[in-house]
Amino acid sequence: MSEKVIPPVKLYFPHEDIQRIIAEIDKVLQSGMLTLGNNTKYFEVEYAKLCMVRHAIAVNSGTSALEIALRTMRMEAGDEVLVPTNTFTATAATVFLTGGKPILTDIDPQTLCMDAENIQKHVTQKTKGVIVVHIGGLVCPDMKAVREICRDYKLFLIEDAAHAQGSMINGQPAGSLGDVGCFSFYPTKVMTSGEGGMITTNDNHIDEMARILRDQGKQNFNSNIIVELGNNWRLPEINAVIGRIQLERLPEIIERRNKIARYYDGKVKNINGVRPLETPSNIINNYYKYTIFVEPDIDRERIKGKLRQEGVRCGGEVYWPPLHLQPIYRRLLGTKEGDFPKAEDACSRMICLPMYSQMTLDDVDFVIEKLKKVLSEI
């Protein structure tokens, strides 16, 4: 077992940020305003600027963001929503929870994202919308074509941007590319609020409805008049403090991660048997994940196990198993192995190497050295 250990992820809180967070939380506790206060409002304003949209609504998780977004679309029984099979369960589960049915699709194995071809073949008269997932921080490269399909068929378009804080395509931020964007600030994400999420939109009605739904369906925060069946999806002020201070660090975080990714790229391309997931030149990737693919004849699980013994702990895949192979979706949707061969192949061969803002180039060299060693032993 190696004495040096490279973790898959690591939170980035410089000492001065920790001191600021402590001071701001002290102010919150003394104010007595522990929810939907000024920190939440400030966080929302600044996040809307990041995404170049009119509205941002802070909530307590990325899952809540997705459910609220779907609720604003007035889902009805029988409505179908297209969802890529290689995503976290929340993307599909929230469709069920809002009365609809997720229809899983295959992906482009070069990008791990949905593409126009896979969307087009699943559109029916029952289709009400599409949820595109910006996987691992990579904005779906086919967004323009996806938007055109949604426009032609009058479908809503939701961005599951849980991984994509600060990512962009053609100068447009994730969260501004559809009707609604949904972000997560879970601790493993590129920026965090501890727990939390954000909804982004340019639509005034969606904004109003989302704010009502997140606070138990009340007409407004100071009202006891219930106008919708909402829930407690509020973001606490303490989490908003953490989120807004992390948001200020986001440009630095993305710059650091891109430097690490470029260095990884140069090294990985020279290793036989593996290849990196490539980011198109028109996309700024926040590199929530740094993903490589092993050749079909290489045992991915054996590689990961040996890397762990050598002190390199890889992150979770995005995603394995894909939804159509998960027990609950097999049961609810009747899916089976072989239904989405591109996703099955790509997801079974991916490895997410360690990626975090404090990684040094020496750390990357250590990971690469161990990867080469392990591959030579397989």
Foldseek 3Di string as FASTA:
>chain_A
DAPAFFAQEDFDQPPVNVVQLVVVVVVCVVVVQWFPDDLQVVLFVVLCVLQVADTKHKWFFLLLQLLLLVVLLVDEALAEEEDELLADPSNQVSCVVSRYHYDYWFPDLLQRWHALVRVVVPDDPRYAAYETECFQQRDDPRLVSVVVVCVVSVHFYEYACQQHRNKDFQPGGQQESTQKYKYWQDRLHLHHLPGIIMMGHNDPSSRCSSQCQCCQQANHPPGPDHDDRHDPGTDTSSSSSRRVSSSVCQVVSQVLQVVLLVLLQVLQVPAPFKHWSDHDPRMRGSRSFTKMFGDPVDQPVQLQVQLVVNNWHWDQFSDPPGNLPDVVNCVVVVHDPPPHVSSRRSRRGMITGRTYRPDDSVNSVSSSVSSNVSVVVD
